[in-house]
Every structure is written in C-alpha cells, then in structure tokens.
Amino acid sequence: MTFAALKTGLLSAPKIDWDFLLGVPLRIVIIIIGAIVLNMVMRLFIRRFSTAVAKGTVGSEKSAGHSKFSSTAAEAQRTGIEPTVIRERRAQRAKTVGRMLSSVTTIIISVIAVLMVLDQMNFNIAPILASAGIVGVALAFGAQELVKDYLSGFFMVIEDQYGIGDTVDLGEAVGEVEDFGLRKTAVRDLTGTLWHVRNGEIMRVGNLSQGWARAVLEIPVNYSTSMATYHEITESVTNSMLQDKALASAILERPEVAGVQSLSAEYRVIRTMIKTKPNLQWMVERAFRAELTNEFDRRGITIPIIQETVLRTLPDTSDALGSTTTSTADDRPQFAHAGRRRNDDSPSPLPSDDEIRSTTDEAGTDSPDGDS
C-alpha cells in the first residue's frame, strides 16, 4: 500500500466524535475512578482506626489527661490480666470494627456511584430516590430493632465492655461469653445452656472478668470468739492457702477483715474480702471456707446454730396440760465438722448463677473500696 492510498483511506474514514467521548463516557469513568479512590482512602482510615483499637490508643475515660492508653505491660500490671489476653481482645475488637466499617463504607460509596452513573446516562432516578425513601421509612419501622442491635454491638466493641471468655451477668443470661458479634451475644451458663441475647436488649452488663475481682465472704462467728482471735485465724488460713501454687497465683492481696456486717441472737457475721484475679474469686472463696472450717475444728470453735422452737399439738386429749412440747436445736446431736469437709481442698473454679448475681449485687451496693 502506497502512501497516497493510505492518505486517501484515512481521509475517507468516519471522524471520531471526540465531543461525545469527552462528555458522558468520560464523566462516568471519572465517577467510577473517584468511587474506587474514595473507597481506598476510607479503607485506609478504617485500617488506621482499627490499628488504634488493637493497640488500645483510642481515647477513653480511662486515659483522662493522656492521649493514649498505657502499654500492654503496664495495663496488664494494673488490671491483673495476662498480656496475651489483652492483645487477643484488642485484635478481636479491631477485626470486628474494621470489618463492619469497611462493609458499610463500600455499600454507601457504591450506591452513590451507581446513582450518579445512572443520572449521567439520562435515566430518571427520581422514582428510584422516591422508592428508596419509602424503603427507608419502612426499614425505620420494621428493622429498627435490627439497627438497634448493630449499633449497640458496635459501641460494646468500641468500649470493650466484654469479650469472649468473660464471665458476665446480662440479666436473664449469666455465664461465660462464647461468641460475641455485632448483632447478638452467646452466653453459656453453668448448666450448659447456651443463651443467645440480642445486643439491643442488653440494658446493663456486669463483667466479672475485667481488671480484678474480689471474693466477699460473710462468715458467721459466735460471740465467744473475739475479733482478735478471728484475725489470727484469718492469717493462719491465708498462710495455708498461699502454700498452694494455684491459690497463691490467684490471690492478689492478703484478706481484709472489713468488720462486723450484721448481728443476731446466735452469732455475728464478719465480712472478709480477698482481692483476686478475674474469674478466680469463687475458687478462692471455696478454698477459704474449706480451710476456715478446718482451722475452726483444730481450735475447737463450733459454727453457731440458729436456735429454733417448734410447737405442735398432740392428738391425746387426756394430756391437756402437756399438749405442747418444746424442742430446741440444743437437743440435736452435734457432729464434727472435720469429717464432712476434708474433701473441700480442691474447690471448683466454676461459679454458680447465684454466686455471680450475688457478686454483682455486692459490687452495686458496696463502695468500690469495699468499705462496709
């Protein structure tokens, strides 16, 4: 092909409509590229925010006066939680928050980009917007509980109210958290029942696994045992418990005798408190009670018994004057305590629902310092 023939062919070819290509198609391409870039930028910010959550550097009331939380080692020393557990909890929070924010951001940007592209192609998007408004109103009424669940779960994750493995009291559901998502929380109680609780229905959370715990014991002591003697018994019991490595690692501070909690005709109740690692307060309570009863037996101290008087009518009418008899608890045979409590040396660390609720009740009625 000669140059003259090629020139003739190019001149005879149809002209390209550059005005059209620089119009709608170019704007559509710009919209698509802009949506992709915006999505990437938003994901970058979300990753940084998730990293801040994972490192524990998100602003909080705990960091009053500081821009960031303390390091993992310092927080572990302050709260008593293992550093590996703290890192796992933060990683879980970061993953959950990042996944949710990335999905919501991608959906919103994609919907806006599609509507802008349809508008550039001269489609009438007014019916679409009107339909979207109607759907939005319907969702506002029909799916408001679902939105409430997700928002509640999101703030629970951000505030780190609880995580997998924590022992919590959610009201009806009391036990260990096995699964935690943005919509619902799965809690398994002591009987093995798995409770699925919607996050929007959780009005308050009692977390017994964060930071540290406190074993609160109400010990009935007869009036013949003085407070000084009880202090000596407590020290002896504590020294015996600290010989066990498991109990020694669970106890953070030596027991504190708060004083007399209540009085009755038969005995007085002395409150004793022990600061422990989280989720181990019930094991420490059982071990303390078991060792305390053994120490009572060694010292010859009996557990006070409530005096009871039972009145009953005899069917024999001939004995009118002696128609009632009195029986007191003093007439009952006294049994030694040591024989039936020797097997309490290995207490179970699993708490019952009543123990969890009683612990949360004590936390709600007493001062944080444990003063009576």
Protein backbone atom coordinates (compact mmCIF):
# COMPACT_ATOMS: atom_id res chain seq x y z
CA MET A 1 0.00 0.00 0.00
CA THR A 2 1.40 3.32 -1.10
CA PHE A 3 1.41 6.48 0.96
CA ALA A 4 -1.17 8.08 -1.32
CA ALA A 5 -3.57 5.18 -0.87
CA LEU A 6 -3.14 5.28 2.94
CA LYS A 7 -3.82 9.00 2.99
CA THR A 8 -6.91 8.54 0.87
CA GLY A 9 -8.20 5.83 3.26
CA LEU A 10 -7.70 7.96 6.37
CA LEU A 11 -9.46 10.91 4.82
CA SER A 12 -12.39 8.75 3.78
CA ALA A 13 -12.76 7.13 7.29
CA PRO A 14 -15.57 8.44 9.52
CA LYS A 15 -14.49 11.07 12.00
CA ILE A 16 -14.35 10.22 15.70
CA ASP A 17 -16.88 12.13 17.78
CA TRP A 18 -14.48 13.46 20.42
CA ASP A 19 -17.19 15.65 21.87
CA PHE A 20 -19.20 12.57 22.84
CA LEU A 21 -16.19 10.75 24.27
CA LEU A 22 -15.26 13.80 26.34
CA GLY A 23 -18.83 14.09 27.58
CA VAL A 24 -20.86 11.31 29.24
CA PRO A 25 -18.35 8.41 28.95
CA LEU A 26 -15.55 10.50 30.43
CA ARG A 27 -17.75 11.63 33.33
CA ILE A 28 -18.81 8.02 34.01
CA VAL A 29 -15.18 6.90 34.04
CA ILE A 30 -14.30 9.75 36.41
CA ILE A 31 -17.18 8.81 38.71
CA ILE A 32 -16.09 5.16 38.81
CA ILE A 33 -12.43 6.02 39.38
CA GLY A 34 -13.39 8.57 42.03
CA ALA A 35 -15.54 5.99 43.84
CA ILE A 36 -12.69 3.46 43.81
CA VAL A 37 -10.17 6.01 45.08
CA LEU A 38 -12.55 7.27 47.76
CA ASN A 39 -13.22 3.70 48.89
CA MET A 40 -9.48 3.02 49.11
CA VAL A 41 -8.90 6.21 51.12
CA MET A 42 -11.74 5.38 53.51
CA ARG A 43 -10.40 1.86 53.98
CA LEU A 44 -7.00 3.35 54.80
CA PHE A 45 -8.52 5.50 57.53
CA ILE A 46 -10.51 2.49 58.78
CA ARG A 47 -7.35 0.40 58.96
CA ARG A 48 -5.64 3.13 60.96
CA PHE A 49 -8.62 3.34 63.30
CA SER A 50 -8.66 -0.45 63.68
CA THR A 51 -4.95 -0.39 64.44
CA ALA A 52 -5.59 2.22 67.12
CA VAL A 53 -8.28 -0.01 68.59
CA ALA A 54 -5.92 -3.00 68.51
CA LYS A 55 -3.18 -1.02 70.26
CA GLY A 56 -5.58 0.45 72.79
CA THR A 57 -4.84 4.05 71.80
CA VAL A 58 -8.45 5.13 71.25
CA GLY A 59 -9.45 7.97 73.58
CA SER A 60 -11.34 6.89 76.68
CA GLU A 61 -12.25 7.99 80.15
CA LYS A 62 -9.54 5.67 81.43
CA SER A 63 -6.93 7.81 79.74
CA ALA A 64 -8.01 11.09 81.30
CA GLY A 65 -5.16 13.51 80.98
CA HIS A 66 -3.38 11.32 78.42
CA SER A 67 -3.85 10.96 74.70
CA LYS A 68 -3.30 7.22 74.72
CA PHE A 69 -3.71 4.19 76.92
CA SER A 70 -0.75 2.72 78.73
CA SER A 71 1.25 -0.02 77.12
CA THR A 72 0.19 -3.65 77.25
CA ALA A 73 2.63 -4.46 80.03
CA ALA A 74 1.51 -1.53 82.15
CA GLU A 75 -2.15 -2.34 81.60
CA ALA A 76 -1.54 -5.98 82.47
CA GLN A 77 0.15 -4.92 85.70
CA ARG A 78 -2.67 -2.54 86.51
CA THR A 79 -5.58 -4.85 85.73
CA GLY A 80 -4.08 -8.25 86.52
CA ILE A 81 -4.95 -9.65 83.07
CA GLU A 82 -2.35 -11.58 81.11
CA PRO A 83 -0.73 -9.55 78.28
CA THR A 84 -1.62 -12.24 75.74
CA VAL A 85 -5.28 -11.98 76.71
CA ILE A 86 -5.18 -8.19 76.37
CA ARG A 87 -3.64 -8.43 72.88
CA GLU A 88 -6.17 -11.06 71.79
CA ARG A 89 -9.09 -8.96 72.99
CA ARG A 90 -7.78 -5.88 71.20
CA ALA A 91 -7.16 -7.83 67.99
CA GLN A 92 -10.71 -9.18 68.12
CA ARG A 93 -12.13 -5.70 68.66
CA ALA A 94 -10.07 -4.28 65.78
CA LYS A 95 -11.15 -7.06 63.42
CA THR A 96 -14.83 -6.65 64.24
CA VAL A 97 -14.82 -2.87 63.99
CA GLY A 98 -12.77 -2.82 60.78
CA ARG A 99 -14.96 -5.40 59.06
CA MET A 100 -18.15 -3.56 59.89
CA LEU A 101 -16.91 -0.09 58.91
CA SER A 102 -15.38 -1.37 55.66
CA SER A 103 -18.62 -3.07 54.61
CA VAL A 104 -20.78 -0.04 55.42
CA THR A 105 -18.39 2.34 53.63
CA THR A 106 -18.21 0.18 50.49
CA ILE A 107 -22.00 -0.15 50.30
CA ILE A 108 -22.64 3.59 50.70
CA ILE A 109 -20.00 4.65 48.15
CA SER A 110 -21.15 2.02 45.63
CA VAL A 111 -24.81 3.07 45.87
CA ILE A 112 -23.95 6.76 45.42
CA ALA A 113 -21.68 5.97 42.45
CA VAL A 114 -24.37 3.87 40.72
CA LEU A 115 -26.95 6.63 41.12
CA MET A 116 -24.53 9.21 39.68
CA VAL A 117 -23.77 6.96 36.69
CA LEU A 118 -27.48 6.43 36.00
CA ASP A 119 -28.02 10.19 36.17
CA GLN A 120 -25.23 10.75 33.60
CA MET A 121 -26.90 8.21 31.30
CA ASN A 122 -30.08 10.33 31.38
CA PHE A 123 -32.01 7.78 33.45
CA ASN A 124 -34.73 9.27 35.59
CA ILE A 125 -33.55 8.46 39.09
CA ALA A 126 -36.38 10.35 40.78
CA PRO A 127 -38.54 7.18 41.06
CA ILE A 128 -35.51 5.34 42.43
CA LEU A 129 -34.95 8.01 45.06
CA ALA A 130 -38.64 8.05 45.92
CA SER A 131 -38.65 4.26 46.25
CA ALA A 132 -35.51 4.43 48.37
CA GLY A 133 -37.24 6.94 50.62
CA ILE A 134 -40.24 4.64 51.01
CA VAL A 135 -37.96 1.68 51.70
CA GLY A 136 -36.05 3.77 54.22
CA VAL A 137 -39.25 4.67 56.05
CA ALA A 138 -40.31 1.02 56.03
CA LEU A 139 -36.93 -0.07 57.35
CA ALA A 140 -37.10 2.63 60.00
CA PHE A 141 -40.24 0.99 61.38
CA GLY A 142 -39.64 -2.66 60.54
CA ALA A 143 -35.90 -3.03 61.06
CA GLN A 144 -35.34 -0.56 63.87
CA GLU A 145 -34.67 -3.41 66.31
CA LEU A 146 -32.03 -4.79 63.94
CA VAL A 147 -30.37 -1.37 63.63
CA LYS A 148 -30.52 -1.03 67.41
CA ASP A 149 -28.80 -4.40 67.83
CA TYR A 150 -25.97 -3.47 65.47
CA LEU A 151 -25.43 -0.03 66.98
CA SER A 152 -25.40 -1.46 70.50
CA GLY A 153 -22.96 -4.18 69.47
CA PHE A 154 -20.71 -1.63 67.75
CA PHE A 155 -20.42 0.52 70.87
CA MET A 156 -19.93 -2.56 73.06
CA VAL A 157 -16.94 -3.48 70.91
CA ILE A 158 -15.53 0.05 70.89
CA GLU A 159 -15.89 0.43 74.68
CA ASP A 160 -14.64 -3.12 75.32
CA GLN A 161 -17.50 -3.89 77.70
CA TYR A 162 -16.82 -7.64 77.46
CA GLY A 163 -15.27 -10.22 75.18
CA ILE A 164 -15.11 -13.93 74.51
CA GLY A 165 -14.19 -15.84 77.67
CA ASP A 166 -15.52 -13.22 80.11
CA THR A 167 -17.98 -14.13 82.84
CA VAL A 168 -20.90 -11.71 82.59
CA ASP A 169 -24.33 -11.07 84.06
CA LEU A 170 -26.67 -9.82 81.33
CA GLY A 171 -29.84 -10.15 83.38
CA GLU A 172 -31.51 -13.40 82.39
CA ALA A 173 -28.31 -14.83 80.91
CA VAL A 174 -25.46 -15.41 83.35
CA GLY A 175 -22.30 -17.28 82.40
CA GLU A 176 -19.29 -17.30 80.09
CA VAL A 177 -19.32 -15.47 76.75
CA GLU A 178 -18.69 -17.99 73.96
CA ASP A 179 -19.47 -15.82 70.94
CA PHE A 180 -19.77 -12.07 70.55
CA GLY A 181 -20.92 -10.33 67.38
CA LEU A 182 -22.43 -7.02 66.44
CA ARG A 183 -26.00 -8.38 66.49
CA LYS A 184 -26.04 -10.91 69.34
CA THR A 185 -24.06 -12.39 72.21
CA ALA A 186 -23.91 -16.10 73.08
CA VAL A 187 -23.55 -16.91 76.79
CA ARG A 188 -23.27 -20.43 78.21
CA ASP A 189 -24.40 -20.81 81.81
CA LEU A 190 -23.26 -23.29 84.43
CA THR A 191 -25.83 -25.93 83.37
CA GLY A 192 -24.52 -25.89 79.79
CA THR A 193 -27.41 -23.93 78.28
CA LEU A 194 -26.32 -21.57 75.50
CA TRP A 195 -28.20 -18.27 75.65
CA HIS A 196 -28.43 -16.08 72.53
CA VAL A 197 -29.01 -12.48 73.61
CA ARG A 198 -29.63 -9.62 71.20
CA ASN A 199 -27.31 -6.72 71.88
CA GLY A 200 -30.14 -4.23 71.66
CA GLU A 201 -31.90 -5.97 74.57
CA ILE A 202 -28.92 -5.70 76.92
CA MET A 203 -29.69 -2.86 79.31
CA ARG A 204 -26.75 -3.38 81.66
CA VAL A 205 -23.66 -5.58 81.77
CA GLY A 206 -21.98 -6.97 84.85
CA ASN A 207 -18.49 -8.09 83.82
CA LEU A 208 -16.70 -10.13 86.44
CA SER A 209 -13.58 -10.73 84.34
CA GLN A 210 -12.11 -7.29 83.72
CA GLY A 211 -9.23 -5.98 85.76
CA TRP A 212 -9.52 -7.79 89.07
CA ALA A 213 -12.14 -9.43 91.24
CA ARG A 214 -12.96 -9.60 94.92
CA ALA A 215 -14.08 -12.60 96.94
CA VAL A 216 -16.57 -11.38 99.56
CA LEU A 217 -17.26 -13.82 102.40
CA GLU A 218 -19.85 -13.45 105.15
CA ILE A 219 -18.55 -15.64 107.98
CA PRO A 220 -20.85 -16.37 110.96
CA VAL A 221 -18.83 -16.37 114.20
CA ASN A 222 -20.16 -16.99 117.69
CA TYR A 223 -19.76 -14.38 120.40
CA SER A 224 -17.25 -16.48 122.34
CA THR A 225 -14.68 -15.89 119.55
CA SER A 226 -13.16 -12.44 119.74
CA MET A 227 -12.21 -10.30 116.77
CA ALA A 228 -8.52 -10.66 117.63
CA THR A 229 -8.88 -14.45 117.51
CA TYR A 230 -10.66 -14.21 114.17
CA HIS A 231 -7.81 -12.07 112.79
CA GLU A 232 -5.34 -14.75 113.90
CA ILE A 233 -7.45 -17.45 112.25
CA THR A 234 -7.60 -15.44 109.03
CA GLU A 235 -3.82 -15.05 108.95
CA SER A 236 -3.35 -18.78 109.56
CA VAL A 237 -5.86 -19.67 106.84
CA THR A 238 -4.16 -17.28 104.40
CA ASN A 239 -0.74 -18.77 105.05
CA SER A 240 -2.11 -22.26 104.44
CA MET A 241 -3.76 -21.15 101.17
CA LEU A 242 -0.60 -19.48 99.90
CA GLN A 243 1.21 -22.81 100.07
CA ASP A 244 -0.92 -23.90 97.10
CA LYS A 245 0.60 -22.51 93.89
CA ALA A 246 -2.76 -22.18 92.13
CA LEU A 247 -4.29 -20.25 95.02
CA ALA A 248 -1.14 -18.18 95.54
CA SER A 249 -1.20 -17.03 91.92
CA ALA A 250 -4.94 -16.26 92.13
CA ILE A 251 -4.72 -14.08 95.26
CA LEU A 252 -3.52 -10.52 94.56
CA GLU A 253 -3.70 -9.17 98.13
CA ARG A 254 -3.99 -10.62 101.59
CA PRO A 255 -7.52 -10.86 103.02
CA GLU A 256 -9.04 -7.74 104.51
CA VAL A 257 -11.36 -8.10 107.51
CA ALA A 258 -13.90 -5.34 106.96
CA GLY A 259 -15.60 -5.88 110.31
CA VAL A 260 -18.96 -6.97 111.67
CA GLN A 261 -21.59 -6.91 108.96
CA SER A 262 -24.67 -7.93 110.98
CA LEU A 263 -25.73 -9.15 114.42
CA SER A 264 -28.19 -11.77 115.60
CA ALA A 265 -29.05 -13.53 118.84
CA GLU A 266 -26.82 -16.50 117.99
CA TYR A 267 -23.83 -15.05 116.16
CA ARG A 268 -22.31 -12.09 114.40
CA VAL A 269 -21.43 -12.02 110.70
CA ILE A 270 -17.91 -10.82 109.88
CA ARG A 271 -17.19 -9.69 106.33
CA THR A 272 -13.87 -10.77 104.86
CA MET A 273 -12.70 -9.65 101.42
CA ILE A 274 -9.91 -11.03 99.22
CA LYS A 275 -8.69 -9.33 96.03
CA THR A 276 -8.12 -11.94 93.32
CA LYS A 277 -7.52 -12.30 89.62
CA PRO A 278 -10.65 -12.15 87.47
CA ASN A 279 -12.80 -15.28 87.27
CA LEU A 280 -10.96 -16.85 90.22
CA GLN A 281 -12.82 -15.25 93.13
CA TRP A 282 -15.20 -18.21 93.50
CA MET A 283 -12.36 -20.71 93.70
CA VAL A 284 -10.69 -18.57 96.37
CA GLU A 285 -13.97 -18.30 98.29
CA ARG A 286 -14.45 -22.07 98.37
CA ALA A 287 -10.85 -22.69 99.37
CA PHE A 288 -11.04 -20.08 102.15
CA ARG A 289 -14.26 -21.56 103.56
CA ALA A 290 -12.84 -25.08 103.46
CA GLU A 291 -9.61 -24.08 105.21
CA LEU A 292 -11.51 -21.90 107.68
CA THR A 293 -13.71 -24.80 108.81
CA ASN A 294 -10.61 -26.95 109.26
CA GLU A 295 -9.00 -24.21 111.36
CA PHE A 296 -12.18 -23.91 113.42
CA ASP A 297 -12.09 -27.65 114.08
CA ARG A 298 -8.44 -27.52 115.12
CA ARG A 299 -9.19 -24.73 117.60
CA GLY A 300 -12.41 -26.35 118.87
CA ILE A 301 -14.61 -23.49 117.58
CA THR A 302 -18.11 -24.58 116.63
CA ILE A 303 -20.18 -22.96 113.92
CA PRO A 304 -23.15 -21.20 115.57
CA ILE A 305 -26.53 -22.84 115.15
CA ILE A 306 -29.77 -20.93 114.93
CA GLN A 307 -32.00 -21.67 117.94
CA GLU A 308 -35.39 -22.98 116.88
CA THR A 309 -38.55 -23.66 118.87
CA VAL A 310 -41.17 -25.95 117.35
CA LEU A 311 -44.67 -26.07 118.89
CA ARG A 312 -47.02 -28.87 117.94
CA THR A 313 -50.39 -30.16 119.25
CA LEU A 314 -50.58 -33.76 120.49
CA PRO A 315 -53.60 -35.85 119.45
CA ASP A 316 -54.02 -37.22 123.02
CA THR A 317 -56.64 -35.05 124.80
CA SER A 318 -56.02 -36.65 128.18
CA ASP A 319 -52.74 -34.81 128.44
CA ALA A 320 -54.26 -31.37 128.11
CA LEU A 321 -51.71 -29.59 130.19
CA GLY A 322 -48.81 -31.18 128.41
CA SER A 323 -50.26 -30.83 124.95
CA THR A 324 -47.28 -28.87 123.73
CA THR A 325 -43.69 -29.87 123.71
CA THR A 326 -40.66 -27.77 123.11
CA SER A 327 -37.74 -28.87 121.07
CA THR A 328 -34.66 -26.83 120.65
CA ALA A 329 -31.69 -27.14 118.45
CA ASP A 330 -29.57 -27.82 121.54
CA ASP A 331 -31.19 -31.29 121.83
CA ARG A 332 -29.91 -32.29 118.43
CA PRO A 333 -26.75 -34.38 118.24
CA GLN A 334 -23.64 -32.37 117.48
CA PHE A 335 -21.49 -33.68 114.66
CA ALA A 336 -17.89 -32.87 113.95
CA HIS A 337 -17.25 -30.61 111.02
CA ALA A 338 -13.92 -32.03 110.03
CA GLY A 339 -15.18 -35.37 108.75
CA ARG A 340 -17.53 -33.91 106.19
CA ARG A 341 -15.26 -31.16 104.93
CA ARG A 342 -11.99 -32.93 104.36
CA ASN A 343 -12.75 -33.26 100.64
CA ASP A 344 -13.08 -29.49 100.09
CA ASP A 345 -9.37 -28.96 99.47
CA SER A 346 -9.83 -28.79 95.67
CA PRO A 347 -12.59 -26.25 95.09
CA SER A 348 -14.15 -25.90 91.66
CA PRO A 349 -13.37 -22.62 89.86
CA LEU A 350 -16.80 -22.64 88.18
CA PRO A 351 -19.27 -20.18 89.71
CA SER A 352 -23.00 -20.73 90.04
CA ASP A 353 -25.55 -18.23 88.76
CA ASP A 354 -26.41 -17.21 92.33
CA GLU A 355 -22.74 -16.56 93.10
CA ILE A 356 -22.36 -14.38 90.02
CA ARG A 357 -25.51 -12.41 90.82
CA SER A 358 -24.53 -12.04 94.47
CA THR A 359 -21.13 -10.76 93.40
CA THR A 360 -22.67 -8.16 91.09
CA ASP A 361 -25.13 -7.19 93.83
CA GLU A 362 -22.24 -6.66 96.26
CA ALA A 363 -20.48 -4.54 93.64
CA GLY A 364 -23.61 -2.44 93.22
CA THR A 365 -24.38 -1.88 96.91
CA ASP A 366 -20.89 -1.51 98.37
CA SER A 367 -18.35 1.18 97.68
CA PRO A 368 -15.52 0.40 95.25
CA ASP A 369 -13.05 0.23 98.09
CA GLY A 370 -15.07 -2.46 99.82
CA ASP A 371 -15.91 -0.34 102.90
CA SER A 372 -18.93 -1.50 104.82
